[in-house]
Amino acid sequence: MITINVLYDFYRLYRYIPVHLRRCKSNAIFVKSFKYRMQQAVQNSVYSSGKGQLRITGYRMFYAVLIILYAFFAYLLLKISLQYIPYDTDVAFLRIKQDVINIPLYKLAFFTHVYTAVFVLPAGFTQFSVNIRRKLPVLHRYTGWLYAAVVVLLAGPSGLYMGIFANGGLISQISFVLLAALWIWFTAVAVLKAVQGDYKTHREFLIRSFALTLSAITLRAWKYLLVFLFEPRPMDVYQIVAWLGWIPNIIIAELIIRKILKFKE
């Protein structure tokens, strides 16, 4: 186990201390060396199994936590979609939308969005897996087309129409309409660049697109946090999270594109 390996490394360091103290010219040198070896002990810890060893690093642990959180929120969104199966116009979110439920095309837009957007999170996530892209290029390609088709043809347009009637008044409506329009545009450009063979630009626009896809998660996360901390009025919450749900996402996406991707190049 990783804990046993870490403890063993610390034990080796403990045995090393007396000898090393005699060799050091100052305590500062010893402290620096000891801290370095402590870090190496943690970073080089491995999980042993019958088939070999899996190196566990801080990056991989962080990545694993992100995947678990992502899967959890994807599951919650699936549960939200399942509330509307079988077809029902007086359940969950629709109970507060009875004033617009009979507006032409609203029900069509709403159920199109609910039933199709659930495929976007898992399909979009596969596009950022290096292993899938290298080892299963066909799966990468087909899930990419599924993601693009759902966003550009179904979830995006239906979300844009729903945004016109969003709770919170004009402030929220502008935000959701802009969010949907950018979502469609970023995804369409990503597809176009992939077809043209410009994979660098394709990747950049896909990152922007997926950042907006994640607004389905971040919007709800911000909503729960704001209600828990401040207990604002419902309409105030809608107006705040309408923008807070996706603006930080797109800022982070731009930082990734301009800093991390540029650095790798």
Protein backbone atom coordinates (compact mmCIF):
# COMPACT_ATOMS: atom_id res chain seq x y z
CA MET A 1 0.00 0.00 0.00
CA ILE A 2 1.08 3.60 -0.56
CA THR A 3 1.08 4.34 3.21
CA ILE A 4 3.49 1.45 3.91
CA ASN A 5 5.85 2.63 1.19
CA VAL A 6 5.83 6.21 2.48
CA LEU A 7 6.53 5.03 6.04
CA TYR A 8 9.36 2.84 4.80
CA ASP A 9 10.91 5.79 2.97
CA PHE A 10 10.64 7.91 6.11
CA TYR A 11 12.30 5.10 8.09
CA ARG A 12 15.19 5.10 5.62
CA LEU A 13 15.47 8.86 6.01
CA TYR A 14 15.50 8.49 9.81
CA ARG A 15 18.38 6.05 9.64
CA TYR A 16 20.16 8.41 7.25
CA ILE A 17 20.03 11.42 9.60
CA PRO A 18 22.93 10.68 11.99
CA VAL A 19 25.43 10.01 9.21
CA HIS A 20 24.28 12.99 7.20
CA LEU A 21 24.48 15.31 10.18
CA ARG A 22 28.19 14.63 10.51
CA ARG A 23 28.70 15.45 6.84
CA CYS A 24 26.73 18.69 6.76
CA LYS A 25 28.53 21.96 7.31
CA SER A 26 25.40 23.66 8.60
CA ASN A 27 21.89 22.87 9.75
CA ALA A 28 20.48 24.82 6.81
CA ILE A 29 22.07 22.41 4.35
CA PHE A 30 20.73 19.47 6.29
CA VAL A 31 17.20 20.87 6.46
CA LYS A 32 17.18 21.59 2.74
CA SER A 33 18.45 18.11 1.93
CA PHE A 34 16.05 16.46 4.35
CA LYS A 35 13.03 18.33 2.95
CA TYR A 36 14.04 17.35 -0.58
CA ARG A 37 14.31 13.69 0.38
CA MET A 38 10.95 13.84 2.17
CA GLN A 39 9.34 15.17 -1.00
CA GLN A 40 11.04 12.49 -3.06
CA ALA A 41 9.79 9.83 -0.68
CA VAL A 42 6.18 10.91 -1.18
CA GLN A 43 6.45 11.49 -4.93
CA ASN A 44 8.17 8.16 -5.52
CA SER A 45 5.70 6.15 -3.46
CA VAL A 46 4.03 3.39 -5.46
CA TYR A 47 1.09 1.10 -5.15
CA SER A 48 2.22 -2.49 -5.55
CA SER A 49 0.09 -5.21 -7.10
CA GLY A 50 0.56 -8.64 -8.55
CA LYS A 51 0.93 -7.25 -12.06
CA GLY A 52 3.43 -4.54 -11.24
CA GLN A 53 3.62 -1.10 -9.73
CA LEU A 54 1.53 1.99 -10.35
CA ARG A 55 3.30 5.24 -9.54
CA ILE A 56 1.08 7.61 -7.62
CA THR A 57 1.86 11.31 -7.87
CA GLY A 58 0.11 14.43 -6.61
CA TYR A 59 -1.00 15.21 -10.16
CA ARG A 60 -2.62 11.82 -10.60
CA MET A 61 -4.36 12.04 -7.26
CA PHE A 62 -5.72 15.48 -8.18
CA TYR A 63 -6.82 14.16 -11.58
CA ALA A 64 -8.57 11.21 -9.92
CA VAL A 65 -10.45 13.53 -7.56
CA LEU A 66 -11.59 15.66 -10.51
CA ILE A 67 -12.87 12.57 -12.34
CA ILE A 68 -14.79 11.43 -9.25
CA LEU A 69 -16.38 14.86 -8.81
CA TYR A 70 -17.19 15.03 -12.51
CA ALA A 71 -18.83 11.60 -12.44
CA PHE A 72 -20.80 12.54 -9.34
CA PHE A 73 -22.25 15.71 -10.87
CA ALA A 74 -22.94 13.91 -14.15
CA TYR A 75 -24.93 11.39 -12.13
CA LEU A 76 -26.88 14.18 -10.44
CA LEU A 77 -27.72 15.70 -13.83
CA LEU A 78 -28.88 12.29 -15.02
CA LYS A 79 -31.19 12.09 -12.01
CA ILE A 80 -32.61 15.51 -12.91
CA SER A 81 -33.36 14.30 -16.45
CA LEU A 82 -34.98 11.12 -15.15
CA GLN A 83 -37.52 13.23 -13.23
CA TYR A 84 -39.17 13.98 -16.56
CA ILE A 85 -39.54 10.34 -17.56
CA PRO A 86 -42.32 9.52 -18.19
CA TYR A 87 -43.36 12.77 -19.85
CA ASP A 88 -44.81 15.19 -17.30
CA THR A 89 -45.24 18.98 -17.46
CA ASP A 90 -46.01 19.49 -13.77
CA VAL A 91 -42.92 18.19 -12.03
CA ALA A 92 -39.67 19.60 -10.62
CA PHE A 93 -38.47 22.75 -12.46
CA LEU A 94 -41.58 22.93 -14.65
CA ARG A 95 -43.76 23.61 -11.63
CA ILE A 96 -42.41 27.17 -11.55
CA LYS A 97 -42.70 27.56 -15.33
CA GLN A 98 -46.45 27.06 -15.64
CA ASP A 99 -46.81 30.64 -16.90
CA VAL A 100 -44.77 29.82 -20.03
CA ILE A 101 -45.30 26.10 -20.42
CA ASN A 102 -47.99 26.58 -23.07
CA ILE A 103 -46.03 29.08 -25.13
CA PRO A 104 -45.48 27.60 -28.62
CA LEU A 105 -42.35 25.43 -28.82
CA TYR A 106 -41.42 25.86 -25.15
CA LYS A 107 -42.30 22.30 -24.16
CA LEU A 108 -40.53 20.98 -27.25
CA ALA A 109 -37.42 23.03 -26.45
CA PHE A 110 -37.45 22.07 -22.78
CA PHE A 111 -37.77 18.32 -23.24
CA THR A 112 -35.31 18.34 -26.14
CA HIS A 113 -32.79 20.06 -23.89
CA VAL A 114 -33.40 17.77 -20.92
CA TYR A 115 -33.33 14.52 -22.88
CA THR A 116 -30.30 15.30 -25.04
CA ALA A 117 -28.01 17.41 -22.86
CA VAL A 118 -27.44 14.41 -20.60
CA PHE A 119 -25.24 12.88 -23.33
CA VAL A 120 -23.03 15.94 -23.62
CA LEU A 121 -21.07 15.57 -20.37
CA PRO A 122 -19.78 12.00 -20.92
CA ALA A 123 -19.25 12.50 -24.66
CA GLY A 124 -17.36 15.76 -24.17
CA PHE A 125 -15.19 14.33 -21.42
CA THR A 126 -13.81 11.62 -23.71
CA GLN A 127 -12.41 14.29 -26.03
CA PHE A 128 -9.78 15.25 -23.45
CA SER A 129 -8.49 11.76 -22.72
CA VAL A 130 -5.03 11.29 -24.23
CA ASN A 131 -5.33 7.51 -23.94
CA ILE A 132 -8.63 7.43 -25.84
CA ARG A 133 -7.32 9.79 -28.51
CA ARG A 134 -4.19 7.70 -29.08
CA LYS A 135 -5.39 4.15 -28.48
CA LEU A 136 -9.04 4.43 -29.53
CA PRO A 137 -9.14 7.12 -32.22
CA VAL A 138 -12.40 5.79 -33.65
CA LEU A 139 -14.12 6.17 -30.27
CA HIS A 140 -12.65 9.66 -29.94
CA ARG A 141 -14.00 10.59 -33.37
CA TYR A 142 -17.51 9.19 -32.88
CA THR A 143 -18.01 10.62 -29.40
CA GLY A 144 -16.76 13.93 -30.75
CA TRP A 145 -19.36 13.90 -33.49
CA LEU A 146 -22.03 12.92 -30.93
CA TYR A 147 -21.00 15.82 -28.71
CA ALA A 148 -21.02 18.30 -31.59
CA ALA A 149 -24.33 17.11 -33.02
CA VAL A 150 -26.11 17.31 -29.68
CA VAL A 151 -24.76 20.78 -28.89
CA VAL A 152 -25.18 22.39 -32.32
CA LEU A 153 -28.46 20.77 -33.38
CA LEU A 154 -30.35 19.95 -30.19
CA ALA A 155 -29.20 21.09 -26.74
CA GLY A 156 -27.79 24.42 -27.90
CA PRO A 157 -30.77 25.74 -29.92
CA SER A 158 -33.28 24.46 -27.35
CA GLY A 159 -31.29 26.12 -24.57
CA LEU A 160 -31.20 29.38 -26.50
CA TYR A 161 -34.99 29.35 -26.90
CA MET A 162 -35.48 28.51 -23.21
CA GLY A 163 -33.14 31.35 -22.29
CA ILE A 164 -35.63 33.86 -23.66
CA PHE A 165 -38.01 32.83 -20.87
CA ALA A 166 -35.43 32.32 -18.11
CA ASN A 167 -36.27 33.15 -14.50
CA GLY A 168 -34.76 36.37 -13.15
CA GLY A 169 -35.91 38.76 -15.83
CA LEU A 170 -33.88 40.45 -18.53
CA ILE A 171 -30.56 40.08 -16.68
CA SER A 172 -30.84 36.29 -16.60
CA GLN A 173 -32.35 36.06 -20.07
CA ILE A 174 -29.44 37.92 -21.71
CA SER A 175 -26.97 35.66 -19.94
CA PHE A 176 -28.60 32.36 -20.91
CA VAL A 177 -29.17 33.42 -24.53
CA LEU A 178 -25.53 34.54 -24.80
CA LEU A 179 -24.35 31.32 -23.15
CA ALA A 180 -26.28 29.16 -25.62
CA ALA A 181 -25.15 31.22 -28.63
CA LEU A 182 -21.48 30.97 -27.62
CA TRP A 183 -21.87 27.26 -26.86
CA ILE A 184 -23.15 26.61 -30.37
CA TRP A 185 -20.54 28.86 -32.00
CA PHE A 186 -17.53 27.45 -30.15
CA THR A 187 -18.60 23.88 -30.92
CA ALA A 188 -19.30 24.58 -34.58
CA VAL A 189 -15.90 26.25 -35.03
CA ALA A 190 -14.20 23.31 -33.27
CA VAL A 191 -15.82 20.89 -35.74
CA LEU A 192 -14.95 23.07 -38.73
CA LYS A 193 -11.30 23.30 -37.69
CA ALA A 194 -11.09 19.54 -37.17
CA VAL A 195 -12.45 18.94 -40.67
CA GLN A 196 -9.91 21.41 -42.05
CA GLY A 197 -7.09 19.64 -40.19
CA ASP A 198 -6.29 22.62 -37.96
CA TYR A 199 -6.14 20.56 -34.76
CA LYS A 200 -4.50 23.28 -32.69
CA THR A 201 -7.42 25.68 -33.18
CA HIS A 202 -9.84 22.74 -32.95
CA ARG A 203 -8.53 21.93 -29.48
CA GLU A 204 -8.73 25.55 -28.34
CA PHE A 205 -12.36 25.97 -29.38
CA LEU A 206 -13.29 22.59 -27.95
CA ILE A 207 -11.88 23.69 -24.59
CA ARG A 208 -14.06 26.82 -24.77
CA SER A 209 -17.08 24.76 -25.75
CA PHE A 210 -16.60 22.26 -22.95
CA ALA A 211 -16.08 25.07 -20.43
CA LEU A 212 -19.61 26.21 -21.27
CA THR A 213 -20.85 22.64 -21.10
CA LEU A 214 -19.59 22.51 -17.53
CA SER A 215 -21.87 25.43 -16.69
CA ALA A 216 -24.57 22.80 -16.13
CA ILE A 217 -22.49 21.74 -13.11
CA THR A 218 -21.00 25.04 -11.96
CA LEU A 219 -24.32 26.90 -12.15
CA ARG A 220 -25.91 24.46 -9.72
CA ALA A 221 -22.83 24.39 -7.51
CA TRP A 222 -22.83 28.19 -7.20
CA LYS A 223 -26.56 28.16 -6.55
CA TYR A 224 -26.26 25.73 -3.64
CA LEU A 225 -23.30 27.65 -2.22
CA LEU A 226 -25.00 31.05 -2.41
CA VAL A 227 -28.21 29.78 -0.85
CA PHE A 228 -26.28 28.03 1.91
CA LEU A 229 -24.12 31.06 2.76
CA PHE A 230 -26.38 34.06 2.18
CA GLU A 231 -30.00 32.83 1.72
CA PRO A 232 -30.80 35.44 -0.95
CA ARG A 233 -34.17 35.84 -2.63
CA PRO A 234 -34.87 33.24 -5.36
CA MET A 235 -34.91 35.76 -8.19
CA ASP A 236 -31.64 37.30 -7.00
CA VAL A 237 -30.08 33.83 -7.06
CA TYR A 238 -31.17 33.29 -10.67
CA GLN A 239 -29.70 36.62 -11.75
CA ILE A 240 -26.37 35.95 -10.05
CA VAL A 241 -25.83 32.32 -11.06
CA ALA A 242 -26.98 33.05 -14.61
CA TRP A 243 -23.63 34.84 -15.08
CA LEU A 244 -21.53 33.22 -12.35
CA GLY A 245 -22.31 29.79 -13.77
CA TRP A 246 -20.28 30.30 -16.95
CA ILE A 247 -18.18 33.48 -16.90
CA PRO A 248 -15.51 32.01 -14.57
CA ASN A 249 -15.50 28.86 -16.71
CA ILE A 250 -14.64 30.71 -19.89
CA ILE A 251 -11.97 32.75 -18.08
CA ILE A 252 -10.33 29.55 -16.86
CA ALA A 253 -10.59 28.09 -20.37
CA GLU A 254 -8.76 31.11 -21.79
CA LEU A 255 -6.05 30.79 -19.16
CA ILE A 256 -5.60 27.13 -20.08
CA ILE A 257 -5.38 27.99 -23.77
CA ARG A 258 -3.04 30.95 -23.39
CA LYS A 259 -0.81 29.68 -20.58
CA ILE A 260 -0.77 25.89 -20.33
CA LEU A 261 -1.18 25.00 -24.02
CA LYS A 262 1.27 27.70 -25.11
CA PHE A 263 3.77 26.46 -22.53
CA LYS A 264 3.52 22.89 -23.82
CA GLU A 265 4.18 24.10 -27.34
